[in-house]
Amino acid sequence: MSIVHIRVGGREYDVACDNGQEDHLRLLVDEVDERLRSLTFGMGAGLSEAMGLLMVSLMMADELIDKKEEIDNLSLEVERLAGEDRGAAADGRMAEIETAMAGTLEEIASRIEKIADQVELR
């Protein structure tokens, strides 16, 4: 395990992560901090640290749910196309859907890691 010194919302934390994941953790921290700064700028100085992190977490959870719905819709389309007599056009669409699903899954995994890192900050 490594300890990484990070800064979120102007506060400093020491966060543990697996060896070799330090740069990835910093990337996640940058994302959270940027969202928090953006939110704070938009809502003004009256936003507490806890409320800011809660709002950022809720926004990220909302995006995660949207991506899950997108995956579900793509999965349904894949199942529908798989049950049809497919031609070249359907095969091409299947490849597009699979590529989109892979990208969405990677994005979801990244967002889950970000949320997990936020939880570790507490």
PDB file of N, CA and C in Angstrom:
ATOM      1  N   MET A   1       0.838  -1.182   0.000  1.00  0.00           N
ATOM      2  CA  MET A   1       0.000   0.000   0.000  1.00  0.00           C
ATOM      3  C   MET A   1       0.882   1.244   0.000  1.00  0.00           C
ATOM      4  N   SER A   2       0.403   2.238  -0.701  1.00  0.00           N
ATOM      5  CA  SER A   2       1.087   3.526  -0.739  1.00  0.00           C
ATOM      6  C   SER A   2       0.191   4.571  -0.100  1.00  0.00           C
ATOM      7  N   ILE A   3       0.802   5.574   0.467  1.00  0.00           N
ATOM      8  CA  ILE A   3       0.069   6.722   0.990  1.00  0.00           C
ATOM      9  C   ILE A   3       0.350   7.882   0.052  1.00  0.00           C
ATOM     10  N   VAL A   4      -0.726   8.490  -0.442  1.00  0.00           N
ATOM     11  CA  VAL A   4      -0.602   9.603  -1.384  1.00  0.00           C
ATOM     12  C   VAL A   4      -1.155  10.851  -0.708  1.00  0.00           C
ATOM     13  N   HIS A   5      -0.382  11.910  -0.738  1.00  0.00           N
ATOM     14  CA  HIS A   5      -0.815  13.194  -0.189  1.00  0.00           C
ATOM     15  C   HIS A   5      -1.607  13.910  -1.284  1.00  0.00           C
ATOM     16  N   ILE A   6      -2.864  14.209  -0.998  1.00  0.00           N
ATOM     17  CA  ILE A   6      -3.731  14.840  -2.001  1.00  0.00           C
ATOM     18  C   ILE A   6      -4.353  16.106  -1.430  1.00  0.00           C
ATOM     19  N   ARG A   7      -4.963  16.868  -2.322  1.00  0.00           N
ATOM     20  CA  ARG A   7      -5.653  18.101  -1.924  1.00  0.00           C
ATOM     21  C   ARG A   7      -6.984  18.140  -2.668  1.00  0.00           C
ATOM     22  N   VAL A   8      -8.060  18.250  -1.890  1.00  0.00           N
ATOM     23  CA  VAL A   8      -9.412  18.348  -2.457  1.00  0.00           C
ATOM     24  C   VAL A   8     -10.124  19.491  -1.750  1.00  0.00           C
ATOM     25  N   GLY A   9     -10.655  20.410  -2.531  1.00  0.00           N
ATOM     26  CA  GLY A   9     -11.398  21.518  -1.946  1.00  0.00           C
ATOM     27  C   GLY A   9     -10.564  22.363  -1.007  1.00  0.00           C
ATOM     28  N   GLY A  10      -9.265  22.435  -1.276  1.00  0.00           N
ATOM     29  CA  GLY A  10      -8.393  23.238  -0.443  1.00  0.00           C
ATOM     30  C   GLY A  10      -7.908  22.538   0.821  1.00  0.00           C
ATOM     31  N   ARG A  11      -8.387  21.334   1.073  1.00  0.00           N
ATOM     32  CA  ARG A  11      -7.956  20.586   2.250  1.00  0.00           C
ATOM     33  C   ARG A  11      -7.039  19.458   1.820  1.00  0.00           C
ATOM     34  N   GLU A  12      -6.103  19.151   2.695  1.00  0.00           N
ATOM     35  CA  GLU A  12      -5.131  18.111   2.383  1.00  0.00           C
ATOM     36  C   GLU A  12      -5.475  16.826   3.124  1.00  0.00           C
ATOM     37  N   TYR A  13      -5.217  15.712   2.435  1.00  0.00           N
ATOM     38  CA  TYR A  13      -5.505  14.386   2.976  1.00  0.00           C
ATOM     39  C   TYR A  13      -4.362  13.449   2.604  1.00  0.00           C
ATOM     40  N   ASP A  14      -4.183  12.440   3.419  1.00  0.00           N
ATOM     41  CA  ASP A  14      -3.310  11.327   3.074  1.00  0.00           C
ATOM     42  C   ASP A  14      -4.219  10.128   2.824  1.00  0.00           C
ATOM     43  N   VAL A  15      -4.143   9.587   1.613  1.00  0.00           N
ATOM     44  CA  VAL A  15      -5.039   8.512   1.200  1.00  0.00           C
ATOM     45  C   VAL A  15      -4.222   7.300   0.800  1.00  0.00           C
ATOM     46  N   ALA A  16      -4.657   6.138   1.249  1.00  0.00           N
ATOM     47  CA  ALA A  16      -3.976   4.892   0.895  1.00  0.00           C
ATOM     48  C   ALA A  16      -4.501   4.361  -0.428  1.00  0.00           C
ATOM     49  N   CYS A  17      -3.607   3.755  -1.187  1.00  0.00           N
ATOM     50  CA  CYS A  17      -4.002   3.088  -2.430  1.00  0.00           C
ATOM     51  C   CYS A  17      -3.030   1.943  -2.676  1.00  0.00           C
ATOM     52  N   ASP A  18      -3.390   1.064  -3.592  1.00  0.00           N
ATOM     53  CA  ASP A  18      -2.503  -0.039  -3.955  1.00  0.00           C
ATOM     54  C   ASP A  18      -1.241   0.512  -4.619  1.00  0.00           C
ATOM     55  N   ASN A  19      -0.141  -0.174  -4.425  1.00  0.00           N
ATOM     56  CA  ASN A  19       1.100   0.210  -5.088  1.00  0.00           C
ATOM     57  C   ASN A  19       0.879   0.247  -6.593  1.00  0.00           C
ATOM     58  N   GLY A  20       1.407   1.270  -7.227  1.00  0.00           N
ATOM     59  CA  GLY A  20       1.267   1.422  -8.670  1.00  0.00           C
ATOM     60  C   GLY A  20       0.017   2.179  -9.081  1.00  0.00           C
ATOM     61  N   GLN A  21      -0.873   2.479  -8.141  1.00  0.00           N
ATOM     62  CA  GLN A  21      -2.114   3.176  -8.454  1.00  0.00           C
ATOM     63  C   GLN A  21      -2.073   4.666  -8.093  1.00  0.00           C
ATOM     64  N   GLU A  22      -0.907   5.141  -7.711  1.00  0.00           N
ATOM     65  CA  GLU A  22      -0.789   6.525  -7.247  1.00  0.00           C
ATOM     66  C   GLU A  22      -1.209   7.535  -8.313  1.00  0.00           C
ATOM     67  N   ASP A  23      -0.733   7.361  -9.539  1.00  0.00           N
ATOM     68  CA  ASP A  23      -1.085   8.301 -10.607  1.00  0.00           C
ATOM     69  C   ASP A  23      -2.570   8.243 -10.925  1.00  0.00           C
ATOM     70  N   HIS A  24      -3.118   7.046 -10.890  1.00  0.00           N
ATOM     71  CA  HIS A  24      -4.558   6.907 -11.144  1.00  0.00           C
ATOM     72  C   HIS A  24      -5.354   7.605 -10.042  1.00  0.00           C
ATOM     73  N   LEU A  25      -4.920   7.441  -8.802  1.00  0.00           N
ATOM     74  CA  LEU A  25      -5.584   8.116  -7.686  1.00  0.00           C
ATOM     75  C   LEU A  25      -5.534   9.625  -7.866  1.00  0.00           C
ATOM     76  N   ARG A  26      -4.383  10.130  -8.261  1.00  0.00           N
ATOM     77  CA  ARG A  26      -4.254  11.585  -8.482  1.00  0.00           C
ATOM     78  C   ARG A  26      -5.195  12.057  -9.600  1.00  0.00           C
ATOM     79  N   LEU A  27      -5.355  11.245 -10.626  1.00  0.00           N
ATOM     80  CA  LEU A  27      -6.281  11.571 -11.706  1.00  0.00           C
ATOM     81  C   LEU A  27      -7.713  11.662 -11.171  1.00  0.00           C
ATOM     82  N   LEU A  28      -8.084  10.706 -10.328  1.00  0.00           N
ATOM     83  CA  LEU A  28      -9.419  10.718  -9.729  1.00  0.00           C
ATOM     84  C   LEU A  28      -9.603  11.928  -8.827  1.00  0.00           C
ATOM     85  N   VAL A  29      -8.581  12.223  -8.048  1.00  0.00           N
ATOM     86  CA  VAL A  29      -8.638  13.377  -7.149  1.00  0.00           C
ATOM     87  C   VAL A  29      -8.799  14.650  -7.958  1.00  0.00           C
ATOM     88  N   ASP A  30      -8.071  14.771  -9.043  1.00  0.00           N
ATOM     89  CA  ASP A  30      -8.192  15.954  -9.902  1.00  0.00           C
ATOM     90  C   ASP A  30      -9.623  16.112 -10.406  1.00  0.00           C
ATOM     91  N   GLU A  31     -10.248  15.003 -10.791  1.00  0.00           N
ATOM     92  CA  GLU A  31     -11.630  15.042 -11.277  1.00  0.00           C
ATOM     93  C   GLU A  31     -12.577  15.519 -10.180  1.00  0.00           C
ATOM     94  N   VAL A  32     -12.444  14.946  -8.987  1.00  0.00           N
ATOM     95  CA  VAL A  32     -13.313  15.325  -7.865  1.00  0.00           C
ATOM     96  C   VAL A  32     -13.080  16.788  -7.498  1.00  0.00           C
ATOM     97  N   ASP A  33     -11.825  17.185  -7.412  1.00  0.00           N
ATOM     98  CA  ASP A  33     -11.502  18.558  -7.030  1.00  0.00           C
ATOM     99  C   ASP A  33     -12.029  19.555  -8.056  1.00  0.00           C
ATOM    100  N   GLU A  34     -11.884  19.218  -9.340  1.00  0.00           N
ATOM    101  CA  GLU A  34     -12.394  20.108 -10.391  1.00  0.00           C
ATOM    102  C   GLU A  34     -13.912  20.257 -10.289  1.00  0.00           C
ATOM    103  N   ARG A  35     -14.596  19.153 -10.076  1.00  0.00           N
ATOM    104  CA  ARG A  35     -16.052  19.218  -9.938  1.00  0.00           C
ATOM    105  C   ARG A  35     -16.449  20.013  -8.706  1.00  0.00           C
ATOM    106  N   LEU A  36     -15.713  19.830  -7.617  1.00  0.00           N
ATOM    107  CA  LEU A  36     -16.008  20.564  -6.392  1.00  0.00           C
ATOM    108  C   LEU A  36     -15.772  22.055  -6.588  1.00  0.00           C
ATOM    109  N   ARG A  37     -14.667  22.420  -7.228  1.00  0.00           N
ATOM    110  CA  ARG A  37     -14.404  23.842  -7.495  1.00  0.00           C
ATOM    111  C   ARG A  37     -15.469  24.437  -8.395  1.00  0.00           C
ATOM    112  N   SER A  38     -15.881  23.687  -9.390  1.00  0.00           N
ATOM    113  CA  SER A  38     -16.925  24.145 -10.315  1.00  0.00           C
ATOM    114  C   SER A  38     -18.241  24.360  -9.569  1.00  0.00           C
ATOM    115  N   LEU A  39     -18.571  23.414  -8.720  1.00  0.00           N
ATOM    116  CA  LEU A  39     -19.801  23.503  -7.940  1.00  0.00           C
ATOM    117  C   LEU A  39     -19.739  24.672  -6.973  1.00  0.00           C
ATOM    118  N   THR A  40     -18.626  24.811  -6.286  1.00  0.00           N
ATOM    119  CA  THR A  40     -18.451  25.903  -5.326  1.00  0.00           C
ATOM    120  C   THR A  40     -18.541  27.242  -6.029  1.00  0.00           C
ATOM    121  N   PHE A  41     -17.935  27.352  -7.199  1.00  0.00           N
ATOM    122  CA  PHE A  41     -17.992  28.589  -7.969  1.00  0.00           C
ATOM    123  C   PHE A  41     -19.433  28.909  -8.355  1.00  0.00           C
ATOM    124  N   GLY A  42     -20.184  27.885  -8.747  1.00  0.00           N
ATOM    125  CA  GLY A  42     -21.562  28.082  -9.176  1.00  0.00           C
ATOM    126  C   GLY A  42     -22.518  28.382  -8.040  1.00  0.00           C
ATOM    127  N   MET A  43     -22.243  27.860  -6.848  1.00  0.00           N
ATOM    128  CA  MET A  43     -23.170  28.019  -5.727  1.00  0.00           C
ATOM    129  C   MET A  43     -22.726  29.070  -4.723  1.00  0.00           C
ATOM    130  N   GLY A  44     -21.527  29.532  -4.836  1.00  0.00           N
ATOM    131  CA  GLY A  44     -21.054  30.559  -3.917  1.00  0.00           C
ATOM    132  C   GLY A  44     -20.322  29.973  -2.732  1.00  0.00           C
ATOM    133  N   ALA A  45     -19.854  30.846  -1.880  1.00  0.00           N
ATOM    134  CA  ALA A  45     -18.991  30.454  -0.770  1.00  0.00           C
ATOM    135  C   ALA A  45     -19.747  29.811   0.388  1.00  0.00           C
ATOM    136  N   GLY A  46     -21.067  29.836   0.399  1.00  0.00           N
ATOM    137  CA  GLY A  46     -21.838  29.303   1.514  1.00  0.00           C
ATOM    138  C   GLY A  46     -21.907  27.794   1.555  1.00  0.00           C
ATOM    139  N   LEU A  47     -21.316  27.139   0.613  1.00  0.00           N
ATOM    140  CA  LEU A  47     -21.368  25.684   0.513  1.00  0.00           C
ATOM    141  C   LEU A  47     -20.312  25.065   1.426  1.00  0.00           C
ATOM    142  N   SER A  48     -20.744  24.213   2.361  1.00  0.00           N
ATOM    143  CA  SER A  48     -19.793  23.558   3.258  1.00  0.00           C
ATOM    144  C   SER A  48     -19.029  22.477   2.503  1.00  0.00           C
ATOM    145  N   GLU A  49     -17.903  22.077   3.085  1.00  0.00           N
ATOM    146  CA  GLU A  49     -17.099  21.030   2.455  1.00  0.00           C
ATOM    147  C   GLU A  49     -17.898  19.738   2.329  1.00  0.00           C
ATOM    148  N   ALA A  50     -18.567  19.353   3.406  1.00  0.00           N
ATOM    149  CA  ALA A  50     -19.344  18.107   3.387  1.00  0.00           C
ATOM    150  C   ALA A  50     -20.457  18.177   2.344  1.00  0.00           C
ATOM    151  N   MET A  51     -21.163  19.308   2.289  1.00  0.00           N
ATOM    152  CA  MET A  51     -22.254  19.450   1.319  1.00  0.00           C
ATOM    153  C   MET A  51     -21.704  19.453  -0.101  1.00  0.00           C
ATOM    154  N   GLY A  52     -20.561  20.081  -0.302  1.00  0.00           N
ATOM    155  CA  GLY A  52     -19.948  20.094  -1.629  1.00  0.00           C
ATOM    156  C   GLY A  52     -19.583  18.699  -2.083  1.00  0.00           C
ATOM    157  N   LEU A  53     -18.951  17.923  -1.199  1.00  0.00           N
ATOM    158  CA  LEU A  53     -18.581  16.557  -1.562  1.00  0.00           C
ATOM    159  C   LEU A  53     -19.817  15.697  -1.770  1.00  0.00           C
ATOM    160  N   LEU A  54     -20.862  15.931  -0.974  1.00  0.00           N
ATOM    161  CA  LEU A  54     -22.117  15.200  -1.178  1.00  0.00           C
ATOM    162  C   LEU A  54     -22.703  15.523  -2.542  1.00  0.00           C
ATOM    163  N   MET A  55     -22.732  16.794  -2.901  1.00  0.00           N
ATOM    164  CA  MET A  55     -23.293  17.191  -4.199  1.00  0.00           C
ATOM    165  C   MET A  55     -22.474  16.599  -5.352  1.00  0.00           C
ATOM    166  N   VAL A  56     -21.156  16.627  -5.235  1.00  0.00           N
ATOM    167  CA  VAL A  56     -20.303  16.042  -6.277  1.00  0.00           C
ATOM    168  C   VAL A  56     -20.587  14.550  -6.379  1.00  0.00           C
ATOM    169  N   SER A  57     -20.704  13.882  -5.240  1.00  0.00           N
ATOM    170  CA  SER A  57     -20.997  12.441  -5.245  1.00  0.00           C
ATOM    171  C   SER A  57     -22.335  12.161  -5.907  1.00  0.00           C
ATOM    172  N   LEU A  58     -23.332  12.978  -5.609  1.00  0.00           N
ATOM    173  CA  LEU A  58     -24.659  12.788  -6.216  1.00  0.00           C
ATOM    174  C   LEU A  58     -24.617  13.011  -7.727  1.00  0.00           C
ATOM    175  N   MET A  59     -23.877  14.011  -8.156  1.00  0.00           N
ATOM    176  CA  MET A  59     -23.758  14.261  -9.594  1.00  0.00           C
ATOM    177  C   MET A  59     -23.075  13.084 -10.285  1.00  0.00           C
ATOM    178  N   MET A  60     -22.027  12.554  -9.660  1.00  0.00           N
ATOM    179  CA  MET A  60     -21.321  11.424 -10.255  1.00  0.00           C
ATOM    180  C   MET A  60     -22.199  10.174 -10.236  1.00  0.00           C
ATOM    181  N   ALA A  61     -22.970   9.987  -9.170  1.00  0.00           N
ATOM    182  CA  ALA A  61     -23.886   8.839  -9.105  1.00  0.00           C
ATOM    183  C   ALA A  61     -24.954   8.967 -10.193  1.00  0.00           C
ATOM    184  N   ASP A  62     -25.434  10.174 -10.434  1.00  0.00           N
ATOM    185  CA  ASP A  62     -26.425  10.397 -11.488  1.00  0.00           C
ATOM    186  C   ASP A  62     -25.842  10.028 -12.851  1.00  0.00           C
ATOM    187  N   GLU A  63     -24.625  10.438 -13.108  1.00  0.00           N
ATOM    188  CA  GLU A  63     -23.966  10.076 -14.367  1.00  0.00           C
ATOM    189  C   GLU A  63     -23.783   8.565 -14.467  1.00  0.00           C
ATOM    190  N   LEU A  64     -23.433   7.927 -13.358  1.00  0.00           N
ATOM    191  CA  LEU A  64     -23.253   6.481 -13.335  1.00  0.00           C
ATOM    192  C   LEU A  64     -24.555   5.767 -13.679  1.00  0.00           C
ATOM    193  N   ILE A  65     -25.649   6.209 -13.098  1.00  0.00           N
ATOM    194  CA  ILE A  65     -26.960   5.609 -13.378  1.00  0.00           C
ATOM    195  C   ILE A  65     -27.325   5.794 -14.845  1.00  0.00           C
ATOM    196  N   ASP A  66     -27.065   6.994 -15.385  1.00  0.00           N
ATOM    197  CA  ASP A  66     -27.325   7.229 -16.810  1.00  0.00           C
ATOM    198  C   ASP A  66     -26.531   6.256 -17.679  1.00  0.00           C
ATOM    199  N   LYS A  67     -25.271   6.018 -17.326  1.00  0.00           N
ATOM    200  CA  LYS A  67     -24.445   5.096 -18.104  1.00  0.00           C
ATOM    201  C   LYS A  67     -24.946   3.661 -17.976  1.00  0.00           C
ATOM    202  N   LYS A  68     -25.412   3.289 -16.793  1.00  0.00           N
ATOM    203  CA  LYS A  68     -25.972   1.951 -16.618  1.00  0.00           C
ATOM    204  C   LYS A  68     -27.214   1.772 -17.489  1.00  0.00           C
ATOM    205  N   GLU A  69     -28.062   2.789 -17.547  1.00  0.00           N
ATOM    206  CA  GLU A  69     -29.251   2.721 -18.407  1.00  0.00           C
ATOM    207  C   GLU A  69     -28.845   2.616 -19.872  1.00  0.00           C
ATOM    208  N   GLU A  70     -27.812   3.348 -20.238  1.00  0.00           N
ATOM    209  CA  GLU A  70     -27.309   3.284 -21.612  1.00  0.00           C
ATOM    210  C   GLU A  70     -26.822   1.870 -21.934  1.00  0.00           C
ATOM    211  N   ILE A  71     -26.124   1.261 -21.003  1.00  0.00           N
ATOM    212  CA  ILE A  71     -25.650  -0.117 -21.198  1.00  0.00           C
ATOM    213  C   ILE A  71     -26.837  -1.071 -21.318  1.00  0.00           C
ATOM    214  N   ASP A  72     -27.829  -0.899 -20.453  1.00  0.00           N
ATOM    215  CA  ASP A  72     -29.017  -1.762 -20.519  1.00  0.00           C
ATOM    216  C   ASP A  72     -29.695  -1.640 -21.879  1.00  0.00           C
ATOM    217  N   ASN A  73     -29.834  -0.418 -22.375  1.00  0.00           N
ATOM    218  CA  ASN A  73     -30.463  -0.211 -23.682  1.00  0.00           C
ATOM    219  C   ASN A  73     -29.634  -0.835 -24.803  1.00  0.00           C
ATOM    220  N   LEU A  74     -28.327  -0.676 -24.723  1.00  0.00           N
ATOM    221  CA  LEU A  74     -27.465  -1.290 -25.729  1.00  0.00           C
ATOM    222  C   LEU A  74     -27.534  -2.815 -25.649  1.00  0.00           C
ATOM    223  N   SER A  75     -27.609  -3.346 -24.432  1.00  0.00           N
ATOM    224  CA  SER A  75     -27.714  -4.804 -24.267  1.00  0.00           C
ATOM    225  C   SER A  75     -28.993  -5.329 -24.890  1.00  0.00           C
ATOM    226  N   LEU A  76     -30.093  -4.609 -24.690  1.00  0.00           N
ATOM    227  CA  LEU A  76     -31.364  -5.018 -25.297  1.00  0.00           C
ATOM    228  C   LEU A  76     -31.268  -5.009 -26.816  1.00  0.00           C
ATOM    229  N   GLU A  77     -30.611  -3.988 -27.355  1.00  0.00           N
ATOM    230  CA  GLU A  77     -30.463  -3.917 -28.808  1.00  0.00           C
ATOM    231  C   GLU A  77     -29.582  -5.054 -29.314  1.00  0.00           C
ATOM    232  N   VAL A  78     -28.532  -5.382 -28.558  1.00  0.00           N
ATOM    233  CA  VAL A  78     -27.666  -6.500 -28.947  1.00  0.00           C
ATOM    234  C   VAL A  78     -28.464  -7.791 -28.955  1.00  0.00           C
ATOM    235  N   GLU A  79     -29.259  -8.016 -27.922  1.00  0.00           N
ATOM    236  CA  GLU A  79     -30.086  -9.230 -27.862  1.00  0.00           C
ATOM    237  C   GLU A  79     -31.055  -9.284 -29.031  1.00  0.00           C
ATOM    238  N   ARG A  80     -31.661  -8.147 -29.343  1.00  0.00           N
ATOM    239  CA  ARG A  80     -32.607  -8.103 -30.464  1.00  0.00           C
ATOM    240  C   ARG A  80     -31.893  -8.419 -31.764  1.00  0.00           C
ATOM    241  N   LEU A  81     -30.731  -7.801 -31.976  1.00  0.00           N
ATOM    242  CA  LEU A  81     -29.985  -8.046 -33.213  1.00  0.00           C
ATOM    243  C   LEU A  81     -29.466  -9.480 -33.278  1.00  0.00           C
ATOM    244  N   ALA A  82     -29.099 -10.029 -32.134  1.00  0.00           N
ATOM    245  CA  ALA A  82     -28.592 -11.402 -32.117  1.00  0.00           C
ATOM    246  C   ALA A  82     -29.682 -12.396 -32.505  1.00  0.00           C
ATOM    247  N   GLY A  83     -30.924 -12.064 -32.212  1.00  0.00           N
ATOM    248  CA  GLY A  83     -32.033 -12.961 -32.538  1.00  0.00           C
ATOM    249  C   GLY A  83     -32.510 -12.846 -33.973  1.00  0.00           C
ATOM    250  N   GLU A  84     -32.055 -11.840 -34.678  1.00  0.00           N
ATOM    251  CA  GLU A  84     -32.475 -11.633 -36.063  1.00  0.00           C
ATOM    252  C   GLU A  84     -31.513 -12.319 -37.026  1.00  0.00           C
ATOM    253  N   ASP A  85     -32.008 -12.534 -38.253  1.00  0.00           N
ATOM    254  CA  ASP A  85     -31.128 -12.991 -39.321  1.00  0.00           C
ATOM    255  C   ASP A  85     -30.341 -11.758 -39.754  1.00  0.00           C
ATOM    256  N   ARG A  86     -29.076 -11.734 -39.362  1.00  0.00           N
ATOM    257  CA  ARG A  86     -28.296 -10.517 -39.555  1.00  0.00           C
ATOM    258  C   ARG A  86     -27.580 -10.518 -40.889  1.00  0.00           C
ATOM    259  N   GLY A  87     -27.545  -9.346 -41.432  1.00  0.00           N
ATOM    260  CA  GLY A  87     -26.751  -9.135 -42.630  1.00  0.00           C
ATOM    261  C   GLY A  87     -25.526  -8.316 -42.273  1.00  0.00           C
ATOM    262  N   ALA A  88     -24.842  -7.814 -43.259  1.00  0.00           N
ATOM    263  CA  ALA A  88     -23.619  -7.030 -43.033  1.00  0.00           C
ATOM    264  C   ALA A  88     -23.918  -5.761 -42.242  1.00  0.00           C
ATOM    265  N   ALA A  89     -25.069  -5.119 -42.518  1.00  0.00           N
ATOM    266  CA  ALA A  89     -25.419  -3.883 -41.811  1.00  0.00           C
ATOM    267  C   ALA A  89     -25.634  -4.159 -40.327  1.00  0.00           C
ATOM    268  N   ALA A  90     -26.325  -5.255 -40.014  1.00  0.00           N
ATOM    269  CA  ALA A  90     -26.571  -5.604 -38.612  1.00  0.00           C
ATOM    270  C   ALA A  90     -25.263  -5.973 -37.920  1.00  0.00           C
ATOM    271  N   ASP A  91     -24.378  -6.669 -38.623  1.00  0.00           N
ATOM    272  CA  ASP A  91     -23.079  -7.012 -38.044  1.00  0.00           C
ATOM    273  C   ASP A  91     -22.280  -5.746 -37.716  1.00  0.00           C
ATOM    274  N   GLY A  92     -22.348  -4.771 -38.617  1.00  0.00           N
ATOM    275  CA  GLY A  92     -21.659  -3.500 -38.379  1.00  0.00           C
ATOM    276  C   GLY A  92     -22.234  -2.772 -37.184  1.00  0.00           C
ATOM    277  N   ARG A  93     -23.564  -2.803 -37.079  1.00  0.00           N
ATOM    278  CA  ARG A  93     -24.223  -2.149 -35.934  1.00  0.00           C
ATOM    279  C   ARG A  93     -23.848  -2.861 -34.635  1.00  0.00           C
ATOM    280  N   MET A  94     -23.770  -4.192 -34.671  1.00  0.00           N
ATOM    281  CA  MET A  94     -23.371  -4.954 -33.487  1.00  0.00           C
ATOM    282  C   MET A  94     -21.971  -4.537 -33.040  1.00  0.00           C
ATOM    283  N   ALA A  95     -21.066  -4.375 -33.983  1.00  0.00           N
ATOM    284  CA  ALA A  95     -19.695  -3.968 -33.646  1.00  0.00           C
ATOM    285  C   ALA A  95     -19.691  -2.587 -33.017  1.00  0.00           C
ATOM    286  N   GLU A  96     -20.504  -1.677 -33.556  1.00  0.00           N
ATOM    287  CA  GLU A  96     -20.616  -0.331 -32.985  1.00  0.00           C
ATOM    288  C   GLU A  96     -21.140  -0.389 -31.554  1.00  0.00           C
ATOM    289  N   ILE A  97     -22.158  -1.202 -31.336  1.00  0.00           N
ATOM    290  CA  ILE A  97     -22.759  -1.324 -30.015  1.00  0.00           C
ATOM    291  C   ILE A  97     -21.754  -1.910 -29.026  1.00  0.00           C
ATOM    292  N   GLU A  98     -21.043  -2.946 -29.449  1.00  0.00           N
ATOM    293  CA  GLU A  98     -20.044  -3.557 -28.565  1.00  0.00           C
ATOM    294  C   GLU A  98     -18.957  -2.562 -28.202  1.00  0.00           C
ATOM    295  N   THR A  99     -18.521  -1.758 -29.154  1.00  0.00           N
ATOM    296  CA  THR A  99     -17.507  -0.739 -28.889  1.00  0.00           C
ATOM    297  C   THR A  99     -18.045   0.304 -27.916  1.00  0.00           C
ATOM    298  N   ALA A 100     -19.291   0.736 -28.143  1.00  0.00           N
ATOM    299  CA  ALA A 100     -19.910   1.719 -27.250  1.00  0.00           C
ATOM    300  C   ALA A 100     -20.061   1.152 -25.842  1.00  0.00           C
ATOM    301  N   MET A 101     -20.455  -0.108 -25.752  1.00  0.00           N
ATOM    302  CA  MET A 101     -20.616  -0.737 -24.429  1.00  0.00           C
ATOM    303  C   MET A 101     -19.282  -0.827 -23.712  1.00  0.00           C
ATOM    304  N   ALA A 102     -18.236  -1.181 -24.423  1.00  0.00           N
ATOM    305  CA  ALA A 102     -16.911  -1.292 -23.801  1.00  0.00           C
ATOM    306  C   ALA A 102     -16.470   0.063 -23.259  1.00  0.00           C
ATOM    307  N   GLY A 103     -16.666   1.104 -24.044  1.00  0.00           N
ATOM    308  CA  GLY A 103     -16.305   2.448 -23.592  1.00  0.00           C
ATOM    309  C   GLY A 103     -17.116   2.878 -22.388  1.00  0.00           C
ATOM    310  N   THR A 104     -18.406   2.576 -22.416  1.00  0.00           N
ATOM    311  CA  THR A 104     -19.273   2.934 -21.297  1.00  0.00           C
ATOM    312  C   THR A 104     -18.876   2.176 -20.041  1.00  0.00           C
ATOM    313  N   LEU A 105     -18.562   0.900 -20.177  1.00  0.00           N
ATOM    314  CA  LEU A 105     -18.129   0.121 -19.019  1.00  0.00           C
ATOM    315  C   LEU A 105     -16.836   0.671 -18.423  1.00  0.00           C
ATOM    316  N   GLU A 106     -15.906   1.076 -19.276  1.00  0.00           N
ATOM    317  CA  GLU A 106     -14.664   1.666 -18.783  1.00  0.00           C
ATOM    318  C   GLU A 106     -14.948   2.959 -18.031  1.00  0.00           C
ATOM    319  N   GLU A 107     -15.857   3.762 -18.557  1.00  0.00           N
ATOM    320  CA  GLU A 107     -16.210   5.025 -17.900  1.00  0.00           C
ATOM    321  C   GLU A 107     -16.886   4.759 -16.558  1.00  0.00           C
ATOM    322  N   ILE A 108     -17.759   3.771 -16.514  1.00  0.00           N
ATOM    323  CA  ILE A 108     -18.425   3.418 -15.261  1.00  0.00           C
ATOM    324  C   ILE A 108     -17.407   2.948 -14.237  1.00  0.00           C
ATOM    325  N   ALA A 109     -16.490   2.107 -14.665  1.00  0.00           N
ATOM    326  CA  ALA A 109     -15.459   1.606 -13.747  1.00  0.00           C
ATOM    327  C   ALA A 109     -14.651   2.762 -13.184  1.00  0.00           C
ATOM    328  N   SER A 110     -14.312   3.707 -14.030  1.00  0.00           N
ATOM    329  CA  SER A 110     -13.553   4.868 -13.584  1.00  0.00           C
ATOM    330  C   SER A 110     -14.351   5.681 -12.571  1.00  0.00           C
ATOM    331  N   ARG A 111     -15.631   5.873 -12.837  1.00  0.00           N
ATOM    332  CA  ARG A 111     -16.473   6.645 -11.916  1.00  0.00           C
ATOM    333  C   ARG A 111     -16.656   5.922 -10.587  1.00  0.00           C
ATOM    334  N   ILE A 112     -16.797   4.612 -10.634  1.00  0.00           N
ATOM    335  CA  ILE A 112     -16.912   3.836  -9.392  1.00  0.00           C
ATOM    336  C   ILE A 112     -15.644   3.992  -8.568  1.00  0.00           C
ATOM    337  N   GLU A 113     -14.492   3.941  -9.224  1.00  0.00           N
ATOM    338  CA  GLU A 113     -13.232   4.120  -8.513  1.00  0.00           C
ATOM    339  C   GLU A 113     -13.153   5.503  -7.891  1.00  0.00           C
ATOM    340  N   LYS A 114     -13.640   6.510  -8.602  1.00  0.00           N
ATOM    341  CA  LYS A 114     -13.637   7.868  -8.062  1.00  0.00           C
ATOM    342  C   LYS A 114     -14.500   7.950  -6.805  1.00  0.00           C
ATOM    343  N   ILE A 115     -15.672   7.359  -6.873  1.00  0.00           N
ATOM    344  CA  ILE A 115     -16.562   7.379  -5.716  1.00  0.00           C
ATOM    345  C   ILE A 115     -15.931   6.624  -4.556  1.00  0.00           C
ATOM    346  N   ALA A 116     -15.319   5.488  -4.844  1.00  0.00           N
ATOM    347  CA  ALA A 116     -14.650   4.721  -3.797  1.00  0.00           C
ATOM    348  C   ALA A 116     -13.543   5.533  -3.158  1.00  0.00           C
ATOM    349  N   ASP A 117     -12.799   6.264  -3.966  1.00  0.00           N
ATOM    350  CA  ASP A 117     -11.737   7.097  -3.420  1.00  0.00           C
ATOM    351  C   ASP A 117     -12.305   8.206  -2.536  1.00  0.00           C
ATOM    352  N   GLN A 118     -13.459   8.747  -2.895  1.00  0.00           N
ATOM    353  CA  GLN A 118     -14.090   9.758  -2.059  1.00  0.00           C
ATOM    354  C   GLN A 118     -14.443   9.171  -0.710  1.00  0.00           C
ATOM    355  N   VAL A 119     -14.938   7.962  -0.706  1.00  0.00           N
ATOM    356  CA  VAL A 119     -15.295   7.318   0.540  1.00  0.00           C
ATOM    357  C   VAL A 119     -14.049   7.110   1.393  1.00  0.00           C
ATOM    358  N   GLU A 120     -12.921   6.738   0.767  1.00  0.00           N
ATOM    359  CA  GLU A 120     -11.669   6.541   1.485  1.00  0.00           C
ATOM    360  C   GLU A 120     -11.169   7.821   2.109  1.00  0.00           C
ATOM    361  N   LEU A 121     -11.548   8.986   1.529  1.00  0.00           N
ATOM    362  CA  LEU A 121     -11.098  10.260   2.048  1.00  0.00           C
ATOM    363  C   LEU A 121     -11.678  10.560   3.423  1.00  0.00           C
ATOM    364  N   ARG A 122     -12.753   9.920   3.748  1.00  0.00           N
ATOM    365  CA  ARG A 122     -13.439  10.251   5.009  1.00  0.00           C
ATOM    366  C   ARG A 122     -12.884   9.518   6.164  1.00  0.00           C
TER     367      ARG A 122
END
